[in-house]
PDB file of N, CA and C in Angstrom:
ATOM      1  N   MET A   1      75.024  55.126 115.091  1.00  0.00           N
ATOM      2  CA  MET A   1      75.152  53.498 115.688  1.00  0.00           C
ATOM      3  C   MET A   1      76.427  53.029 114.697  1.00  0.00           C
ATOM      4  N   LYS A   2      76.368  52.950 113.606  1.00  0.00           N
ATOM      5  CA  LYS A   2      77.242  52.806 112.951  1.00  0.00           C
ATOM      6  C   LYS A   2      78.814  52.899 112.898  1.00  0.00           C
ATOM      7  N   THR A   3      79.077  53.960 113.459  1.00  0.00           N
ATOM      8  CA  THR A   3      80.286  54.251 113.835  1.00  0.00           C
ATOM      9  C   THR A   3      80.596  54.277 114.836  1.00  0.00           C
ATOM     10  N   ARG A   4      79.549  53.752 115.900  1.00  0.00           N
ATOM     11  CA  ARG A   4      79.743  53.003 117.321  1.00  0.00           C
ATOM     12  C   ARG A   4      80.278  51.338 117.059  1.00  0.00           C
ATOM     13  N   LEU A   5      79.301  50.876 116.351  1.00  0.00           N
ATOM     14  CA  LEU A   5      79.737  49.291 115.896  1.00  0.00           C
ATOM     15  C   LEU A   5      80.872  49.112 115.396  1.00  0.00           C
ATOM     16  N   ILE A   6      81.662  49.681 114.724  1.00  0.00           N
ATOM     17  CA  ILE A   6      82.800  50.171 113.924  1.00  0.00           C
ATOM     18  C   ILE A   6      83.679  50.072 114.911  1.00  0.00           C
ATOM     19  N   ARG A   7      83.819  50.500 116.240  1.00  0.00           N
ATOM     20  CA  ARG A   7      84.690  50.822 116.807  1.00  0.00           C
ATOM     21  C   ARG A   7      84.604  49.965 117.777  1.00  0.00           C
ATOM     22  N   ILE A   8      83.642  49.093 117.882  1.00  0.00           N
ATOM     23  CA  ILE A   8      83.063  47.867 119.241  1.00  0.00           C
ATOM     24  C   ILE A   8      84.111  47.089 118.178  1.00  0.00           C
ATOM     25  N   ASN A   9      83.991  46.742 116.670  1.00  0.00           N
ATOM     26  CA  ASN A   9      84.159  45.635 116.033  1.00  0.00           C
ATOM     27  C   ASN A   9      85.929  45.443 116.142  1.00  0.00           C
ATOM     28  N   ASP A  10      86.264  46.817 115.810  1.00  0.00           N
ATOM     29  CA  ASP A  10      88.003  47.418 115.928  1.00  0.00           C
ATOM     30  C   ASP A  10      88.460  46.868 117.467  1.00  0.00           C
ATOM     31  N   GLU A  11      87.509  47.085 118.535  1.00  0.00           N
ATOM     32  CA  GLU A  11      88.545  47.351 119.726  1.00  0.00           C
ATOM     33  C   GLU A  11      88.269  45.640 120.321  1.00  0.00           C
ATOM     34  N   ILE A  12      86.984  44.838 119.995  1.00  0.00           N
ATOM     35  CA  ILE A  12      87.261  43.447 120.116  1.00  0.00           C
ATOM     36  C   ILE A  12      88.276  42.750 119.271  1.00  0.00           C
ATOM     37  N   ALA A  13      88.631  42.801 117.914  1.00  0.00           N
ATOM     38  CA  ALA A  13      89.552  42.365 117.214  1.00  0.00           C
ATOM     39  C   ALA A  13      90.818  42.544 118.120  1.00  0.00           C
ATOM     40  N   ARG A  14      91.145  43.900 118.428  1.00  0.00           N
ATOM     41  CA  ARG A  14      92.490  44.375 119.034  1.00  0.00           C
ATOM     42  C   ARG A  14      92.545  43.549 120.196  1.00  0.00           C
ATOM     43  N   VAL A  15      91.492  43.626 121.112  1.00  0.00           N
ATOM     44  CA  VAL A  15      91.523  42.774 122.349  1.00  0.00           C
ATOM     45  C   VAL A  15      92.063  41.363 121.859  1.00  0.00           C
ATOM     46  N   SER A  16      91.306  40.504 121.400  1.00  0.00           N
ATOM     47  CA  SER A  16      91.371  39.311 121.162  1.00  0.00           C
ATOM     48  C   SER A  16      92.578  38.646 120.618  1.00  0.00           C
ATOM     49  N   ALA A  17      93.159  39.651 119.465  1.00  0.00           N
ATOM     50  CA  ALA A  17      94.677  39.411 119.211  1.00  0.00           C
ATOM     51  C   ALA A  17      95.567  39.244 120.246  1.00  0.00           C
ATOM     52  N   ASP A  18      95.442  40.285 121.136  1.00  0.00           N
ATOM     53  CA  ASP A  18      96.431  40.791 122.487  1.00  0.00           C
ATOM     54  C   ASP A  18      96.157  39.192 123.199  1.00  0.00           C
ATOM     55  N   VAL A  19      94.859  38.877 123.533  1.00  0.00           N
ATOM     56  CA  VAL A  19      94.748  37.544 124.383  1.00  0.00           C
ATOM     57  C   VAL A  19      95.447  36.393 123.602  1.00  0.00           C
ATOM     58  N   ILE A  20      95.056  36.126 122.140  1.00  0.00           N
ATOM     59  CA  ILE A  20      95.713  35.116 121.901  1.00  0.00           C
ATOM     60  C   ILE A  20      97.047  34.960 121.630  1.00  0.00           C
ATOM     61  N   ARG A  21      97.657  36.115 121.362  1.00  0.00           N
ATOM     62  CA  ARG A  21      99.111  36.465 121.443  1.00  0.00           C
ATOM     63  C   ARG A  21     100.115  36.305 122.459  1.00  0.00           C
ATOM     64  N   SER A  22      99.273  37.208 123.662  1.00  0.00           N
ATOM     65  CA  SER A  22     100.171  37.130 125.030  1.00  0.00           C
ATOM     66  C   SER A  22      99.574  36.229 126.405  1.00  0.00           C
ATOM     67  N   GLU A  23      98.216  35.975 126.298  1.00  0.00           N
ATOM     68  CA  GLU A  23      97.678  35.001 127.584  1.00  0.00           C
ATOM     69  C   GLU A  23      97.374  33.978 127.107  1.00  0.00           C
ATOM     70  N   LEU A  24      97.223  33.042 126.075  1.00  0.00           N
ATOM     71  CA  LEU A  24      96.867  31.986 126.080  1.00  0.00           C
ATOM     72  C   LEU A  24      97.853  30.484 125.660  1.00  0.00           C
ATOM     73  N   SER A  25      97.727  29.697 126.397  1.00  0.00           N
ATOM     74  CA  SER A  25      99.039  28.808 126.671  1.00  0.00           C
ATOM     75  C   SER A  25      99.139  27.420 126.271  1.00  0.00           C
ATOM     76  N   ASP A  26      97.568  27.553 124.901  1.00  0.00           N
ATOM     77  CA  ASP A  26      97.534  26.293 124.699  1.00  0.00           C
ATOM     78  C   ASP A  26      98.455  25.704 123.784  1.00  0.00           C
ATOM     79  N   PRO A  27      98.816  24.842 123.719  1.00  0.00           N
ATOM     80  CA  PRO A  27     100.347  24.528 122.848  1.00  0.00           C
ATOM     81  C   PRO A  27      99.501  24.202 121.271  1.00  0.00           C
ATOM     82  N   ARG A  28      98.324  23.979 120.963  1.00  0.00           N
ATOM     83  CA  ARG A  28      97.690  23.551 119.876  1.00  0.00           C
ATOM     84  C   ARG A  28      97.662  24.765 119.227  1.00  0.00           C
ATOM     85  N   ILE A  29      97.745  26.201 119.621  1.00  0.00           N
ATOM     86  CA  ILE A  29      97.801  27.378 119.297  1.00  0.00           C
ATOM     87  C   ILE A  29      99.078  27.370 118.559  1.00  0.00           C
ATOM     88  N   GLY A  30      99.440  27.864 117.085  1.00  0.00           N
ATOM     89  CA  GLY A  30     100.276  27.954 116.279  1.00  0.00           C
ATOM     90  C   GLY A  30     100.810  29.541 116.600  1.00  0.00           C
ATOM     91  N   ALA A  31     102.089  29.569 116.291  1.00  0.00           N
ATOM     92  CA  ALA A  31     102.527  30.981 116.647  1.00  0.00           C
ATOM     93  C   ALA A  31     102.072  31.984 115.578  1.00  0.00           C
ATOM     94  N   VAL A  32     101.385  31.801 114.489  1.00  0.00           N
ATOM     95  CA  VAL A  32     101.090  32.694 113.556  1.00  0.00           C
ATOM     96  C   VAL A  32      99.486  32.592 113.474  1.00  0.00           C
ATOM     97  N   VAL A  33      98.941  33.020 114.617  1.00  0.00           N
ATOM     98  CA  VAL A  33      97.840  33.702 114.172  1.00  0.00           C
ATOM     99  C   VAL A  33      97.362  34.829 114.039  1.00  0.00           C
ATOM    100  N   SER A  34      96.562  35.280 112.804  1.00  0.00           N
ATOM    101  CA  SER A  34      96.311  36.751 112.913  1.00  0.00           C
ATOM    102  C   SER A  34      94.745  36.976 112.723  1.00  0.00           C
ATOM    103  N   VAL A  35      94.384  37.600 113.443  1.00  0.00           N
ATOM    104  CA  VAL A  35      92.892  37.954 113.906  1.00  0.00           C
ATOM    105  C   VAL A  35      92.572  39.196 112.954  1.00  0.00           C
ATOM    106  N   LEU A  36      92.095  38.952 111.837  1.00  0.00           N
ATOM    107  CA  LEU A  36      91.401  39.747 110.781  1.00  0.00           C
ATOM    108  C   LEU A  36      90.681  41.151 110.890  1.00  0.00           C
ATOM    109  N   GLY A  37      89.636  40.164 111.523  1.00  0.00           N
ATOM    110  CA  GLY A  37      88.421  41.331 111.990  1.00  0.00           C
ATOM    111  C   GLY A  37      87.313  40.807 112.937  1.00  0.00           C
ATOM    112  N   ALA A  38      86.649  41.421 113.402  1.00  0.00           N
ATOM    113  CA  ALA A  38      85.445  41.234 114.095  1.00  0.00           C
ATOM    114  C   ALA A  38      83.843  41.779 113.498  1.00  0.00           C
ATOM    115  N   GLU A  39      83.101  41.059 113.296  1.00  0.00           N
ATOM    116  CA  GLU A  39      81.916  41.430 112.892  1.00  0.00           C
ATOM    117  C   GLU A  39      80.751  41.004 114.327  1.00  0.00           C
ATOM    118  N   THR A  40      80.184  42.106 114.559  1.00  0.00           N
ATOM    119  CA  THR A  40      79.215  42.270 115.459  1.00  0.00           C
ATOM    120  C   THR A  40      77.716  42.406 115.211  1.00  0.00           C
ATOM    121  N   THR A  41      77.051  41.842 115.546  1.00  0.00           N
ATOM    122  CA  THR A  41      75.607  41.997 115.106  1.00  0.00           C
ATOM    123  C   THR A  41      75.075  43.226 115.588  1.00  0.00           C
ATOM    124  N   ASN A  42      74.240  43.873 115.333  1.00  0.00           N
ATOM    125  CA  ASN A  42      73.884  45.526 115.676  1.00  0.00           C
ATOM    126  C   ASN A  42      73.050  45.293 116.778  1.00  0.00           C
ATOM    127  N   ASP A  43      72.492  44.296 117.405  1.00  0.00           N
ATOM    128  CA  ASP A  43      72.148  44.097 118.963  1.00  0.00           C
ATOM    129  C   ASP A  43      73.227  43.519 120.112  1.00  0.00           C
ATOM    130  N   LEU A  44      74.243  43.622 119.434  1.00  0.00           N
ATOM    131  CA  LEU A  44      75.770  43.136 120.202  1.00  0.00           C
ATOM    132  C   LEU A  44      75.569  41.873 120.820  1.00  0.00           C
ATOM    133  N   LYS A  45      74.627  40.739 120.280  1.00  0.00           N
ATOM    134  CA  LYS A  45      74.540  39.214 121.271  1.00  0.00           C
ATOM    135  C   LYS A  45      75.375  38.926 120.857  1.00  0.00           C
ATOM    136  N   HIS A  46      75.741  38.720 119.107  1.00  0.00           N
ATOM    137  CA  HIS A  46      76.993  37.742 118.635  1.00  0.00           C
ATOM    138  C   HIS A  46      77.953  38.299 117.695  1.00  0.00           C
ATOM    139  N   CYS A  47      79.134  38.069 117.725  1.00  0.00           N
ATOM    140  CA  CYS A  47      80.116  38.669 117.005  1.00  0.00           C
ATOM    141  C   CYS A  47      80.874  37.050 116.597  1.00  0.00           C
ATOM    142  N   LYS A  48      81.345  37.563 115.478  1.00  0.00           N
ATOM    143  CA  LYS A  48      82.652  36.230 114.817  1.00  0.00           C
ATOM    144  C   LYS A  48      83.471  36.999 114.050  1.00  0.00           C
ATOM    145  N   ILE A  49      84.489  36.408 114.922  1.00  0.00           N
ATOM    146  CA  ILE A  49      85.987  36.847 115.013  1.00  0.00           C
ATOM    147  C   ILE A  49      86.621  36.007 113.801  1.00  0.00           C
ATOM    148  N   ARG A  50      87.044  36.608 112.702  1.00  0.00           N
ATOM    149  CA  ARG A  50      87.581  36.474 111.535  1.00  0.00           C
ATOM    150  C   ARG A  50      89.042  35.877 111.737  1.00  0.00           C
ATOM    151  N   VAL A  51      89.958  34.797 111.601  1.00  0.00           N
ATOM    152  CA  VAL A  51      91.093  34.469 112.390  1.00  0.00           C
ATOM    153  C   VAL A  51      92.110  33.872 110.649  1.00  0.00           C
ATOM    154  N   SER A  52      93.014  34.195 110.306  1.00  0.00           N
ATOM    155  CA  SER A  52      93.987  33.411 109.689  1.00  0.00           C
ATOM    156  C   SER A  52      95.069  32.828 110.143  1.00  0.00           C
ATOM    157  N   ILE A  53      95.081  31.247 109.947  1.00  0.00           N
ATOM    158  CA  ILE A  53      96.414  30.453 110.666  1.00  0.00           C
ATOM    159  C   ILE A  53      97.327  30.118 109.584  1.00  0.00           C
ATOM    160  N   PHE A  54      98.600  30.441 109.773  1.00  0.00           N
ATOM    161  CA  PHE A  54      99.208  29.963 109.174  1.00  0.00           C
ATOM    162  C   PHE A  54      99.973  28.370 109.234  1.00  0.00           C
ATOM    163  N   GLY A  55      99.919  27.397 108.217  1.00  0.00           N
ATOM    164  CA  GLY A  55     100.059  26.396 108.327  1.00  0.00           C
ATOM    165  C   GLY A  55      99.438  25.547 107.706  1.00  0.00           C
ATOM    166  N   ASP A  56      99.559  24.286 107.808  1.00  0.00           N
ATOM    167  CA  ASP A  56      99.437  22.802 106.984  1.00  0.00           C
ATOM    168  C   ASP A  56      97.572  22.864 107.649  1.00  0.00           C
ATOM    169  N   GLU A  57      97.053  22.323 106.968  1.00  0.00           N
ATOM    170  CA  GLU A  57      95.540  21.965 107.002  1.00  0.00           C
ATOM    171  C   GLU A  57      95.108  21.861 108.742  1.00  0.00           C
ATOM    172  N   ALA A  58      96.284  20.298 109.029  1.00  0.00           N
ATOM    173  CA  ALA A  58      96.014  19.490 110.431  1.00  0.00           C
ATOM    174  C   ALA A  58      96.308  20.912 111.590  1.00  0.00           C
ATOM    175  N   LYS A  59      97.137  21.584 111.138  1.00  0.00           N
ATOM    176  CA  LYS A  59      97.663  22.508 112.205  1.00  0.00           C
ATOM    177  C   LYS A  59      96.490  23.336 112.327  1.00  0.00           C
ATOM    178  N   GLN A  60      95.782  24.215 111.242  1.00  0.00           N
ATOM    179  CA  GLN A  60      95.098  24.757 111.423  1.00  0.00           C
ATOM    180  C   GLN A  60      93.413  24.290 112.004  1.00  0.00           C
ATOM    181  N   GLU A  61      93.098  23.195 111.543  1.00  0.00           N
ATOM    182  CA  GLU A  61      92.131  22.340 112.398  1.00  0.00           C
ATOM    183  C   GLU A  61      92.457  22.464 114.334  1.00  0.00           C
ATOM    184  N   GLU A  62      93.881  22.142 114.345  1.00  0.00           N
ATOM    185  CA  GLU A  62      93.847  22.095 115.752  1.00  0.00           C
ATOM    186  C   GLU A  62      93.906  23.405 116.533  1.00  0.00           C
ATOM    187  N   THR A  63      94.691  24.553 115.612  1.00  0.00           N
ATOM    188  CA  THR A  63      94.135  25.650 115.974  1.00  0.00           C
ATOM    189  C   THR A  63      93.082  26.206 116.126  1.00  0.00           C
ATOM    190  N   MET A  64      91.956  25.665 115.785  1.00  0.00           N
ATOM    191  CA  MET A  64      90.737  26.585 115.599  1.00  0.00           C
ATOM    192  C   MET A  64      90.228  25.936 116.708  1.00  0.00           C
ATOM    193  N   LYS A  65      90.348  24.335 116.732  1.00  0.00           N
ATOM    194  CA  LYS A  65      89.729  23.821 118.446  1.00  0.00           C
ATOM    195  C   LYS A  65      90.000  24.276 119.467  1.00  0.00           C
ATOM    196  N   ALA A  66      91.348  24.982 119.335  1.00  0.00           N
ATOM    197  CA  ALA A  66      91.976  25.230 120.887  1.00  0.00           C
ATOM    198  C   ALA A  66      91.651  26.907 120.878  1.00  0.00           C
ATOM    199  N   LEU A  67      91.065  27.915 119.716  1.00  0.00           N
ATOM    200  CA  LEU A  67      90.647  28.844 120.063  1.00  0.00           C
ATOM    201  C   LEU A  67      89.281  28.595 120.278  1.00  0.00           C
ATOM    202  N   THR A  68      88.315  27.576 119.925  1.00  0.00           N
ATOM    203  CA  THR A  68      86.694  27.253 120.131  1.00  0.00           C
ATOM    204  C   THR A  68      87.246  27.083 122.084  1.00  0.00           C
ATOM    205  N   SER A  69      87.655  26.055 122.232  1.00  0.00           N
ATOM    206  CA  SER A  69      87.723  25.494 123.592  1.00  0.00           C
ATOM    207  C   SER A  69      88.218  27.166 124.140  1.00  0.00           C
ATOM    208  N   ALA A  70      89.199  27.862 124.201  1.00  0.00           N
ATOM    209  CA  ALA A  70      89.029  29.287 124.652  1.00  0.00           C
ATOM    210  C   ALA A  70      88.356  30.540 124.453  1.00  0.00           C
ATOM    211  N   THR A  71      87.123  30.203 123.776  1.00  0.00           N
ATOM    212  CA  THR A  71      86.261  30.985 123.679  1.00  0.00           C
ATOM    213  C   THR A  71      85.701  31.812 124.997  1.00  0.00           C
ATOM    214  N   GLY A  72      85.411  30.838 126.012  1.00  0.00           N
ATOM    215  CA  GLY A  72      85.002  31.815 127.401  1.00  0.00           C
ATOM    216  C   GLY A  72      86.074  32.584 127.733  1.00  0.00           C
ATOM    217  N   PHE A  73      87.088  32.147 127.787  1.00  0.00           N
ATOM    218  CA  PHE A  73      88.299  32.976 128.413  1.00  0.00           C
ATOM    219  C   PHE A  73      88.359  34.395 127.814  1.00  0.00           C
ATOM    220  N   ILE A  74      88.426  34.043 126.369  1.00  0.00           N
ATOM    221  CA  ILE A  74      88.734  35.322 125.540  1.00  0.00           C
ATOM    222  C   ILE A  74      87.411  36.421 125.678  1.00  0.00           C
ATOM    223  N   ARG A  75      86.484  35.542 125.763  1.00  0.00           N
ATOM    224  CA  ARG A  75      84.933  36.529 125.963  1.00  0.00           C
ATOM    225  C   ARG A  75      85.235  37.035 127.225  1.00  0.00           C
ATOM    226  N   LYS A  76      85.747  36.493 128.280  1.00  0.00           N
ATOM    227  CA  LYS A  76      85.773  37.334 129.585  1.00  0.00           C
ATOM    228  C   LYS A  76      86.796  38.330 129.697  1.00  0.00           C
ATOM    229  N   ARG A  77      88.258  38.264 128.852  1.00  0.00           N
ATOM    230  CA  ARG A  77      89.024  39.523 128.961  1.00  0.00           C
ATOM    231  C   ARG A  77      88.603  40.381 127.781  1.00  0.00           C
ATOM    232  N   ILE A  78      87.850  40.387 126.792  1.00  0.00           N
ATOM    233  CA  ILE A  78      86.904  41.285 126.143  1.00  0.00           C
ATOM    234  C   ILE A  78      86.029  42.026 127.251  1.00  0.00           C
ATOM    235  N   ALA A  79      85.213  41.061 128.059  1.00  0.00           N
ATOM    236  CA  ALA A  79      84.272  41.921 128.816  1.00  0.00           C
ATOM    237  C   ALA A  79      85.010  42.688 130.390  1.00  0.00           C
ATOM    238  N   ASP A  80      86.218  42.435 130.103  1.00  0.00           N
ATOM    239  CA  ASP A  80      87.116  43.123 131.245  1.00  0.00           C
ATOM    240  C   ASP A  80      87.687  44.096 130.930  1.00  0.00           C
ATOM    241  N   THR A  81      88.028  44.200 129.476  1.00  0.00           N
ATOM    242  CA  THR A  81      88.663  45.285 129.136  1.00  0.00           C
ATOM    243  C   THR A  81      87.930  46.328 128.097  1.00  0.00           C
ATOM    244  N   ILE A  82      86.860  45.726 127.289  1.00  0.00           N
ATOM    245  CA  ILE A  82      85.894  46.798 126.861  1.00  0.00           C
ATOM    246  C   ILE A  82      84.253  46.973 127.616  1.00  0.00           C
ATOM    247  N   ASN A  83      84.223  48.346 127.905  1.00  0.00           N
ATOM    248  CA  ASN A  83      82.948  48.704 128.795  1.00  0.00           C
ATOM    249  C   ASN A  83      81.694  48.724 127.844  1.00  0.00           C
ATOM    250  N   LEU A  84      81.002  47.381 128.042  1.00  0.00           N
ATOM    251  CA  LEU A  84      79.890  47.278 127.485  1.00  0.00           C
ATOM    252  C   LEU A  84      78.699  46.766 128.478  1.00  0.00           C
ATOM    253  N   ARG A  85      77.486  47.138 128.024  1.00  0.00           N
ATOM    254  CA  ARG A  85      76.464  46.664 128.927  1.00  0.00           C
ATOM    255  C   ARG A  85      76.332  44.896 128.681  1.00  0.00           C
ATOM    256  N   GLN A  86      76.577  44.343 127.607  1.00  0.00           N
ATOM    257  CA  GLN A  86      76.533  42.921 127.771  1.00  0.00           C
ATOM    258  C   GLN A  86      77.621  42.338 126.469  1.00  0.00           C
ATOM    259  N   THR A  87      78.023  41.560 126.687  1.00  0.00           N
ATOM    260  CA  THR A  87      79.559  41.221 126.101  1.00  0.00           C
ATOM    261  C   THR A  87      79.000  40.214 124.974  1.00  0.00           C
ATOM    262  N   PRO A  88      79.296  40.397 123.522  1.00  0.00           N
ATOM    263  CA  PRO A  88      78.604  39.266 122.697  1.00  0.00           C
ATOM    264  C   PRO A  88      79.356  37.602 122.803  1.00  0.00           C
ATOM    265  N   GLU A  89      78.488  36.752 122.417  1.00  0.00           N
ATOM    266  CA  GLU A  89      78.882  35.621 122.067  1.00  0.00           C
ATOM    267  C   GLU A  89      79.799  35.380 121.109  1.00  0.00           C
ATOM    268  N   ILE A  90      80.809  34.533 121.408  1.00  0.00           N
ATOM    269  CA  ILE A  90      81.584  34.890 120.319  1.00  0.00           C
ATOM    270  C   ILE A  90      82.045  33.829 119.564  1.00  0.00           C
ATOM    271  N   LYS A  91      82.629  33.529 118.047  1.00  0.00           N
ATOM    272  CA  LYS A  91      82.544  32.667 117.317  1.00  0.00           C
ATOM    273  C   LYS A  91      83.339  32.861 115.942  1.00  0.00           C
ATOM    274  N   PHE A  92      84.780  31.484 116.501  1.00  0.00           N
ATOM    275  CA  PHE A  92      85.993  32.038 115.576  1.00  0.00           C
ATOM    276  C   PHE A  92      85.529  31.638 114.270  1.00  0.00           C
ATOM    277  N   ILE A  93      85.753  32.190 113.092  1.00  0.00           N
ATOM    278  CA  ILE A  93      85.823  31.553 111.894  1.00  0.00           C
ATOM    279  C   ILE A  93      86.988  31.802 111.074  1.00  0.00           C
ATOM    280  N   TYR A  94      87.260  31.105 110.519  1.00  0.00           N
ATOM    281  CA  TYR A  94      88.492  30.767 109.633  1.00  0.00           C
ATOM    282  C   TYR A  94      88.638  31.208 108.539  1.00  0.00           C
ATOM    283  N   ASP A  95      89.289  32.032 108.072  1.00  0.00           N
ATOM    284  CA  ASP A  95      89.545  32.822 106.832  1.00  0.00           C
ATOM    285  C   ASP A  95      91.088  32.758 106.010  1.00  0.00           C
ATOM    286  N   ASP A  96      90.953  32.635 105.174  1.00  0.00           N
ATOM    287  CA  ASP A  96      91.790  32.217 103.852  1.00  0.00           C
ATOM    288  C   ASP A  96      92.391  33.092 103.353  1.00  0.00           C
ATOM    289  N   ALA A  97      92.005  34.499 103.352  1.00  0.00           N
ATOM    290  CA  ALA A  97      92.107  35.583 102.555  1.00  0.00           C
ATOM    291  C   ALA A  97      93.898  35.599 102.334  1.00  0.00           C
ATOM    292  N   ILE A  98      94.325  35.643 103.297  1.00  0.00           N
ATOM    293  CA  ILE A  98      96.181  36.132 103.319  1.00  0.00           C
ATOM    294  C   ILE A  98      96.504  34.707 102.460  1.00  0.00           C
ATOM    295  N   GLU A  99      96.112  33.603 102.991  1.00  0.00           N
ATOM    296  CA  GLU A  99      96.693  32.551 101.818  1.00  0.00           C
ATOM    297  C   GLU A  99      96.394  32.398 100.811  1.00  0.00           C
ATOM    298  N   HIS A 100      95.214  32.629 100.318  1.00  0.00           N
ATOM    299  CA  HIS A 100      94.567  33.018  98.802  1.00  0.00           C
ATOM    300  C   HIS A 100      95.319  34.438  98.514  1.00  0.00           C
ATOM    301  N   GLY A 101      95.874  35.540  98.918  1.00  0.00           N
ATOM    302  CA  GLY A 101      96.324  36.218  98.668  1.00  0.00           C
ATOM    303  C   GLY A 101      98.113  36.201  97.792  1.00  0.00           C
ATOM    304  N   MET A 102      98.528  35.078  99.028  1.00  0.00           N
ATOM    305  CA  MET A 102     100.116  34.745  98.673  1.00  0.00           C
ATOM    306  C   MET A 102     100.090  33.939  97.728  1.00  0.00           C
ATOM    307  N   ARG A 103      98.811  33.247  97.195  1.00  0.00           N
ATOM    308  CA  ARG A 103      99.124  32.300  96.032  1.00  0.00           C
ATOM    309  C   ARG A 103      98.562  33.317  94.726  1.00  0.00           C
ATOM    310  N   MET A 104      97.740  34.105  95.028  1.00  0.00           N
ATOM    311  CA  MET A 104      97.484  34.795  93.844  1.00  0.00           C
ATOM    312  C   MET A 104      98.784  35.589  93.560  1.00  0.00           C
ATOM    313  N   ARG A 105      99.678  36.275  94.399  1.00  0.00           N
ATOM    314  CA  ARG A 105     100.858  36.912  94.109  1.00  0.00           C
ATOM    315  C   ARG A 105     101.459  36.063  93.549  1.00  0.00           C
ATOM    316  N   LYS A 106     102.163  34.617  94.201  1.00  0.00           N
ATOM    317  CA  LYS A 106     103.186  33.801  93.021  1.00  0.00           C
ATOM    318  C   LYS A 106     102.779  33.871  92.195  1.00  0.00           C
ATOM    319  N   LEU A 107     101.380  33.287  91.889  1.00  0.00           N
ATOM    320  CA  LEU A 107     100.661  33.121  90.346  1.00  0.00           C
ATOM    321  C   LEU A 107     101.220  33.858  89.358  1.00  0.00           C
ATOM    322  N   ILE A 108     101.139  35.184  89.844  1.00  0.00           N
ATOM    323  CA  ILE A 108     101.231  36.709  88.960  1.00  0.00           C
ATOM    324  C   ILE A 108     102.577  36.616  88.760  1.00  0.00           C
ATOM    325  N   GLU A 109     103.561  36.237  89.996  1.00  0.00           N
ATOM    326  CA  GLU A 109     104.665  36.726  89.808  1.00  0.00           C
ATOM    327  C   GLU A 109     105.300  35.471  88.712  1.00  0.00           C
ATOM    328  N   ASP A 110     104.984  33.906  88.689  1.00  0.00           N
ATOM    329  CA  ASP A 110     105.396  33.226  87.963  1.00  0.00           C
ATOM    330  C   ASP A 110     104.837  33.698  86.616  1.00  0.00           C
ATOM    331  N   VAL A 111     103.624  34.289  86.388  1.00  0.00           N
ATOM    332  CA  VAL A 111     103.360  34.906  84.927  1.00  0.00           C
ATOM    333  C   VAL A 111     104.173  35.730  84.124  1.00  0.00           C
ATOM    334  N   ASN A 112     104.704  36.475  85.549  1.00  0.00           N
ATOM    335  CA  ASN A 112     105.604  37.939  84.848  1.00  0.00           C
ATOM    336  C   ASN A 112     107.357  37.346  84.195  1.00  0.00           C
ATOM    337  N   LYS A 113     107.297  35.986  85.146  1.00  0.00           N
ATOM    338  CA  LYS A 113     108.458  35.604  85.269  1.00  0.00           C
ATOM    339  C   LYS A 113     108.406  34.987  83.881  1.00  0.00           C
ATOM    340  N   GLY A 114     107.874  34.490  83.128  1.00  0.00           N
ATOM    341  CA  GLY A 114     107.483  33.420  82.033  1.00  0.00           C
ATOM    342  C   GLY A 114     106.721  33.992  81.016  1.00  0.00           C
TER     343      GLY A 114
END
């Protein structure tokens, strides 16, 4: 079951990234939205999709609102692409891991220079 769940999570992340990148036309969605992963519950009823959004705080909030409003469309595209008996309810979660990594790298570079 674990291997199947990992494959489902990877596929949901891939499909949602494709939909966000190429099918959503909402102007609130910034150019740089990265889907970092998906975490589906064991019963396949719920799925959290982690996203990273490059931009200031206001742009991040707007993009999250746009993604939340597009949840139904993205879920439908996931259902059309992945053959599951039941498509999980999806929720987008903001993840600042990439930004945190960039800040840490800059701090390390600054320490090495000085």
